Amino acid sequence: MTYQTVQHAPASAALSPAAAPARKPRLALMGEFSAGKSTLTNLLVGQQPLPTRVTATRLPPVWISHGAEAARLTGTDGSETPVRLEDLDDVPLETTALIRLTLPAEALELCDLIDMPGISDPNMPASVWQNLLPEVDSVIWCTHATQAWRQSEAAAWEEISARLDAPSTLLITHFDKLKTPRDRDRVLRRVQKETGGGFNAVFPLSLSQALAAGEDMEAWKTSGADGFIEYLVDLLLNWSQPDRPRPPLQPAAATQALQPEQQLRADVLDIGGLRDSGAQMDPQPQLQAAAAGGGGPRVMPRRVPAPSRRSQRPETPSDGD
């Protein structure tokens, strides 16, 4: 069924949370349909609040903040209705402008995540995500490795990037689909050239391998998640610094051989209980703090078993959104 546009006041004015002088940064996850945005969200928050099946990813924007596990729908008429997490894939698209989700995930102590619909989904008008752009500080753009940086992505990014003040990041997802080092290197170099420095950093990433890594740090590093998460946490911790460090891409990551997919384990990113206010870091061996360009601490998150939760990881990796 085709998504029907409902005319109403701009979502950014009606749906934005109360502004605060020192609010956490808001990162939007964007890209084409089925580029891995919802899978990335599930990786960052350490559980599976969002459906990733290809047939169940046509959701309106999902704004995820820190708090007790709960969800509510914001209608196109401004109304709010509680909803169970397991019912998110049955959200009425015609009357829902936004899903507000709160989760007790440590990553959300540093930022809010906004999982946007695919930019080229023919069943969802661009206004669905365009209305929220004024609330976005930075973007993590996901592009599928086998068709990386399509013309439609380049055109959309030209419009979106002009509205952003903070550096944005490009992830080349499903990187394990490229089977040879030559193919990986070729795609990475082409994307870097065609984006023309439009992103602060570019990371090749296998989301399925990152989800399957568990406590296997070698698999975690090989997936590409290690460098990306370290960079992201460093960026968020130094968000208020005018000259925050901008770690460069390490091209060698493109030639690493990705390992076969493993059985998924319930694990989360342990960011040491860091708050956006700059709380002290837990001096764990895996949490390495060092001055970086005079900006502030750099952090290496560690992976630990997740507490038992109702929303668990999917049993098998998905190629969906």
Protein backbone atom coordinates (compact mmCIF):
# COMPACT_ATOMS: atom_id res chain seq x y z
CA MET A 1 0.00 0.00 0.00
CA THR A 2 1.36 3.40 -0.93
CA TYR A 3 2.22 5.71 1.90
CA GLN A 4 -0.15 8.70 1.82
CA THR A 5 1.20 12.10 2.77
CA VAL A 6 -0.77 13.93 5.45
CA GLN A 7 -0.32 17.69 5.37
CA HIS A 8 0.44 19.20 8.76
CA ALA A 9 2.74 21.67 10.49
CA PRO A 10 6.49 20.98 10.15
CA ALA A 11 7.41 17.98 12.28
CA SER A 12 10.52 19.70 13.61
CA ALA A 13 8.39 22.33 15.33
CA ALA A 14 5.69 20.05 16.68
CA LEU A 15 7.71 16.94 17.49
CA SER A 16 11.03 18.15 18.77
CA PRO A 17 11.83 17.49 22.44
CA ALA A 18 12.22 20.46 24.75
CA ALA A 19 15.38 22.31 23.83
CA ALA A 20 18.15 22.58 26.39
CA PRO A 21 21.27 24.77 26.26
CA ALA A 22 23.62 21.78 26.64
CA ARG A 23 21.60 19.01 25.05
CA LYS A 24 23.16 15.85 23.71
CA PRO A 25 24.04 15.76 20.00
CA ARG A 26 21.47 14.19 17.67
CA LEU A 27 22.85 11.78 15.09
CA ALA A 28 20.67 10.74 12.16
CA LEU A 29 21.25 7.36 10.52
CA MET A 30 20.52 7.81 6.84
CA GLY A 31 20.96 6.16 3.46
CA GLU A 32 19.15 4.11 0.86
CA PHE A 33 16.52 1.51 1.74
CA SER A 34 18.15 -1.69 3.11
CA ALA A 35 21.57 -0.10 3.58
CA GLY A 36 21.77 -1.32 7.19
CA LYS A 37 20.58 1.70 9.20
CA SER A 38 18.31 -0.20 11.59
CA THR A 39 20.89 -2.97 12.00
CA LEU A 40 23.41 -0.27 12.93
CA THR A 41 20.95 1.16 15.44
CA ASN A 42 20.54 -2.27 17.01
CA LEU A 43 24.33 -2.65 17.21
CA LEU A 44 24.79 0.74 18.88
CA VAL A 45 22.07 0.27 21.50
CA GLY A 46 22.94 -3.37 22.22
CA GLN A 47 19.54 -4.92 21.58
CA GLN A 48 16.97 -5.22 18.80
CA PRO A 49 14.29 -2.58 19.26
CA LEU A 50 13.86 -2.08 15.51
CA PRO A 51 12.81 -4.68 12.93
CA THR A 52 15.49 -5.39 10.33
CA ARG A 53 13.62 -7.71 7.98
CA VAL A 54 13.33 -6.27 4.48
CA THR A 55 9.55 -6.54 4.62
CA ALA A 56 9.34 -4.77 7.97
CA THR A 57 11.60 -1.76 7.62
CA ARG A 58 9.18 0.81 6.26
CA LEU A 59 8.98 2.86 9.43
CA PRO A 60 8.67 6.59 9.93
CA PRO A 61 11.66 8.26 11.66
CA VAL A 62 12.51 6.62 14.99
CA TRP A 63 13.94 9.05 17.57
CA ILE A 64 15.81 7.07 20.25
CA SER A 65 16.82 8.63 23.59
CA HIS A 66 18.15 7.36 26.91
CA GLY A 67 15.60 6.26 29.49
CA ALA A 68 13.47 3.39 30.68
CA GLU A 69 12.37 1.10 27.85
CA ALA A 70 9.24 2.59 26.30
CA ALA A 71 7.84 3.69 22.95
CA ARG A 72 5.14 6.03 21.77
CA LEU A 73 3.81 7.17 18.42
CA THR A 74 3.52 10.81 17.50
CA GLY A 75 0.71 11.20 15.00
CA THR A 76 0.57 13.57 12.08
CA ASP A 77 -2.08 15.44 14.10
CA GLY A 78 0.32 15.89 17.05
CA SER A 79 -1.29 13.20 19.22
CA GLU A 80 0.84 10.72 21.19
CA THR A 81 0.01 7.06 21.73
CA PRO A 82 2.00 4.44 23.71
CA VAL A 83 3.02 1.34 21.74
CA ARG A 84 4.78 -1.92 22.60
CA LEU A 85 8.22 -2.44 21.04
CA GLU A 86 7.14 -5.72 19.52
CA ASP A 87 4.35 -3.89 17.67
CA LEU A 88 6.59 -1.33 15.94
CA ASP A 89 6.47 -3.17 12.62
CA ASP A 90 2.68 -2.72 12.62
CA VAL A 91 2.77 1.07 12.98
CA PRO A 92 0.13 2.80 10.78
CA LEU A 93 2.32 4.75 8.36
CA GLU A 94 -0.48 6.97 7.07
CA THR A 95 -1.07 8.58 10.47
CA THR A 96 2.34 8.31 12.21
CA ALA A 97 4.89 11.08 11.80
CA LEU A 98 7.46 9.89 14.34
CA ILE A 99 8.23 7.06 16.76
CA ARG A 100 9.75 8.18 20.08
CA LEU A 101 11.72 5.39 21.72
CA THR A 102 13.64 5.37 25.02
CA LEU A 103 16.13 2.65 25.98
CA PRO A 104 18.60 2.25 28.89
CA ALA A 105 21.58 1.92 26.51
CA GLU A 106 24.93 3.45 27.43
CA ALA A 107 25.49 4.79 23.93
CA LEU A 108 22.36 6.91 24.38
CA GLU A 109 23.96 8.64 27.36
CA LEU A 110 26.20 10.36 24.83
CA CYS A 111 23.73 11.14 22.04
CA ASP A 112 20.25 10.69 20.61
CA LEU A 113 19.89 8.51 17.50
CA ILE A 114 17.34 9.19 14.78
CA ASP A 115 16.83 6.23 12.46
CA MET A 116 15.53 7.75 9.22
CA PRO A 117 13.57 5.97 6.46
CA GLY A 118 15.38 5.09 3.26
CA ILE A 119 15.81 8.16 1.09
CA SER A 120 14.61 6.49 -2.10
CA ASP A 121 11.75 4.33 -0.82
CA PRO A 122 9.00 4.89 -3.44
CA ASN A 123 6.30 4.20 -0.82
CA MET A 124 7.44 6.98 1.51
CA PRO A 125 7.70 10.66 0.50
CA ALA A 126 10.93 12.53 1.19
CA SER A 127 9.03 14.97 3.41
CA VAL A 128 8.83 12.23 6.07
CA TRP A 129 12.55 12.61 6.83
CA GLN A 130 13.07 16.14 5.49
CA ASN A 131 10.80 17.58 8.20
CA LEU A 132 13.19 16.33 10.88
CA LEU A 133 16.42 17.59 9.33
CA PRO A 134 16.37 20.89 11.29
CA GLU A 135 16.67 18.79 14.50
CA VAL A 136 19.71 16.84 13.24
CA ASP A 137 23.26 17.79 14.23
CA SER A 138 25.23 15.17 12.32
CA VAL A 139 24.61 12.21 10.00
CA ILE A 140 25.96 8.68 9.84
CA TRP A 141 25.32 7.73 6.22
CA CYS A 142 25.09 4.04 5.30
CA THR A 143 25.85 2.98 1.73
CA HIS A 144 25.69 -0.66 0.59
CA ALA A 145 29.11 -1.92 -0.52
CA THR A 146 27.85 -3.75 -3.61
CA GLN A 147 26.32 -0.55 -5.03
CA ALA A 148 28.15 2.05 -3.00
CA TRP A 149 27.41 5.75 -3.36
CA ARG A 150 24.70 5.72 -6.00
CA GLN A 151 23.76 8.88 -7.89
CA SER A 152 20.59 9.18 -5.80
CA GLU A 153 22.68 9.20 -2.62
CA ALA A 154 25.02 11.86 -3.95
CA ALA A 155 22.08 14.08 -4.93
CA ALA A 156 20.39 13.69 -1.55
CA TRP A 157 23.61 14.28 0.36
CA GLU A 158 24.28 17.52 -1.51
CA GLU A 159 20.99 18.86 -0.15
CA ILE A 160 21.32 17.41 3.36
CA SER A 161 24.93 18.32 4.05
CA ALA A 162 24.23 22.01 3.45
CA ARG A 163 21.95 21.97 6.53
CA LEU A 164 24.45 20.43 8.95
CA ASP A 165 26.95 22.19 11.18
CA ALA A 166 28.83 19.18 12.59
CA PRO A 167 31.04 16.63 10.81
CA SER A 168 29.31 13.57 9.37
CA THR A 169 30.45 10.00 8.79
CA LEU A 170 30.08 7.54 5.90
CA LEU A 171 29.82 3.79 6.51
CA ILE A 172 30.28 1.37 3.61
CA THR A 173 28.06 -1.39 5.00
CA HIS A 174 27.81 -5.07 4.00
CA PHE A 175 31.53 -4.87 3.27
CA ASP A 176 31.78 -8.65 3.65
CA LYS A 177 29.85 -8.95 0.37
CA LEU A 178 33.03 -7.84 -1.43
CA LYS A 179 35.04 -11.05 -1.58
CA THR A 180 38.53 -9.96 -2.63
CA PRO A 181 40.97 -7.39 -1.24
CA ARG A 182 41.15 -5.84 -4.72
CA ASP A 183 37.38 -5.28 -4.82
CA ARG A 184 37.37 -3.82 -1.30
CA ASP A 185 40.22 -1.46 -2.07
CA ARG A 186 38.64 -0.40 -5.37
CA VAL A 187 35.25 0.39 -3.80
CA LEU A 188 36.79 2.25 -0.88
CA ARG A 189 38.98 4.40 -3.12
CA ARG A 190 36.13 5.15 -5.51
CA VAL A 191 33.80 6.20 -2.70
CA GLN A 192 36.46 8.42 -1.15
CA LYS A 193 37.05 10.06 -4.52
CA GLU A 194 33.37 10.53 -5.41
CA THR A 195 32.39 11.94 -2.02
CA GLY A 196 35.16 14.49 -2.43
CA GLY A 197 35.84 15.03 1.25
CA GLY A 198 32.14 15.56 1.97
CA PHE A 199 32.42 13.31 5.04
CA ASN A 200 34.71 13.68 8.00
CA ALA A 201 35.57 9.97 7.92
CA VAL A 202 34.77 6.85 5.87
CA PHE A 203 34.65 3.36 7.41
CA PRO A 204 34.10 0.00 5.68
CA LEU A 205 31.98 -2.17 7.98
CA SER A 206 30.42 -5.62 8.14
CA LEU A 207 27.45 -5.22 10.47
CA SER A 208 26.70 -8.95 10.49
CA GLN A 209 30.22 -9.78 11.62
CA ALA A 210 30.17 -7.01 14.23
CA LEU A 211 26.94 -8.40 15.67
CA ALA A 212 28.39 -11.92 15.67
CA ALA A 213 31.72 -10.98 17.25
CA GLY A 214 30.65 -11.39 20.86
CA GLU A 215 33.79 -11.13 23.02
CA ASP A 216 36.06 -12.03 20.11
CA MET A 217 38.05 -8.81 19.76
CA GLU A 218 39.80 -9.97 16.59
CA ALA A 219 36.48 -10.56 14.85
CA TRP A 220 35.24 -7.21 16.21
CA LYS A 221 38.29 -5.43 14.75
CA THR A 222 38.11 -7.29 11.45
CA SER A 223 34.46 -6.29 11.02
CA GLY A 224 35.51 -2.63 10.95
CA ALA A 225 33.38 -1.81 14.01
CA ASP A 226 36.40 -1.31 16.26
CA GLY A 227 37.74 1.74 14.45
CA PHE A 228 34.30 3.20 13.79
CA ILE A 229 33.08 2.94 17.40
CA GLU A 230 36.32 4.34 18.79
CA TYR A 231 36.03 7.27 16.40
CA LEU A 232 32.34 7.84 17.20
CA VAL A 233 32.82 7.83 20.98
CA ASP A 234 35.81 10.14 20.64
CA LEU A 235 33.74 12.52 18.51
CA LEU A 236 30.85 12.55 21.01
CA LEU A 237 33.05 13.03 24.07
CA ASN A 238 34.67 16.04 22.42
CA TRP A 239 31.49 17.37 20.85
CA SER A 240 31.61 20.72 22.62
CA GLN A 241 35.26 21.31 21.71
CA PRO A 242 35.58 23.85 18.88
CA ASP A 243 38.65 22.03 17.53
CA ARG A 244 37.49 18.48 18.18
CA PRO A 245 39.81 15.89 16.66
CA ARG A 246 38.94 14.37 13.32
CA PRO A 247 40.66 10.97 13.10
CA PRO A 248 41.53 10.07 9.48
CA LEU A 249 40.50 6.91 7.67
CA GLN A 250 42.98 4.05 7.74
CA PRO A 251 42.89 2.65 4.17
CA ALA A 252 44.42 -0.64 5.36
CA ALA A 253 41.02 -1.59 6.76
CA ALA A 254 39.80 -2.11 3.21
CA THR A 255 42.16 -5.03 2.57
CA GLN A 256 41.42 -7.04 5.70
CA ALA A 257 39.84 -10.44 5.08
CA LEU A 258 36.41 -10.57 6.69
CA GLN A 259 35.65 -13.70 8.68
CA PRO A 260 32.63 -16.00 8.12
CA GLU A 261 29.49 -15.06 9.99
CA GLN A 262 29.13 -16.56 13.46
CA GLN A 263 26.18 -17.28 15.73
CA LEU A 264 25.04 -13.97 17.25
CA ARG A 265 25.72 -13.43 20.94
CA ALA A 266 23.97 -11.05 23.32
CA ASP A 267 26.57 -8.35 23.91
CA VAL A 268 26.64 -4.61 24.16
CA LEU A 269 29.08 -1.74 23.89
CA ASP A 270 30.31 -0.77 27.34
CA ILE A 271 31.17 2.93 27.13
CA GLY A 272 31.99 3.14 30.82
CA GLY A 273 28.88 4.99 31.96
CA LEU A 274 30.02 8.19 30.28
CA ARG A 275 27.55 11.06 30.25
CA ASP A 276 27.31 13.96 27.81
CA SER A 277 28.32 16.19 30.74
CA GLY A 278 31.82 14.68 30.68
CA ALA A 279 31.75 12.33 33.68
CA GLN A 280 34.88 10.47 34.78
CA MET A 281 35.76 7.37 32.82
CA ASP A 282 35.90 3.92 34.37
CA PRO A 283 39.63 3.04 34.33
CA GLN A 284 39.17 -0.39 32.74
CA PRO A 285 42.08 -1.83 30.73
CA GLN A 286 39.87 -1.78 27.66
CA LEU A 287 38.93 1.86 28.22
CA GLN A 288 42.06 3.67 27.06
CA ALA A 289 42.19 7.39 27.74
CA ALA A 290 44.78 9.62 26.10
CA ALA A 291 45.01 13.19 24.94
CA ALA A 292 44.09 13.50 21.28
CA GLY A 293 45.06 16.68 19.52
CA GLY A 294 44.44 18.65 22.68
CA GLY A 295 40.71 17.97 22.38
CA GLY A 296 40.00 15.45 25.12
CA PRO A 297 39.94 11.75 25.99
CA ARG A 298 39.88 8.98 23.41
CA VAL A 299 37.93 5.87 24.33
CA MET A 300 38.10 2.23 23.28
CA PRO A 301 34.75 0.66 24.20
CA ARG A 302 34.85 -2.89 25.49
CA ARG A 303 32.28 -5.59 24.78
CA VAL A 304 30.53 -7.33 27.68
CA PRO A 305 27.61 -9.75 28.05
CA ALA A 306 24.32 -7.91 27.92
CA PRO A 307 21.83 -8.13 30.80
CA SER A 308 18.70 -10.15 30.14
CA ARG A 309 16.16 -8.02 28.29
CA ARG A 310 12.86 -8.59 26.57
CA SER A 311 14.17 -7.27 23.26
CA GLN A 312 16.97 -9.59 22.15
CA ARG A 313 19.23 -9.71 19.12
CA PRO A 314 17.96 -11.51 16.00
CA GLU A 315 18.97 -15.16 15.75
CA THR A 316 20.63 -14.65 12.37
CA PRO A 317 22.13 -11.59 10.69
CA SER A 318 19.86 -9.79 8.23
CA ASP A 319 20.56 -7.97 5.01
CA GLY A 320 17.61 -5.73 5.71
CA ASP A 321 17.63 -2.10 6.78
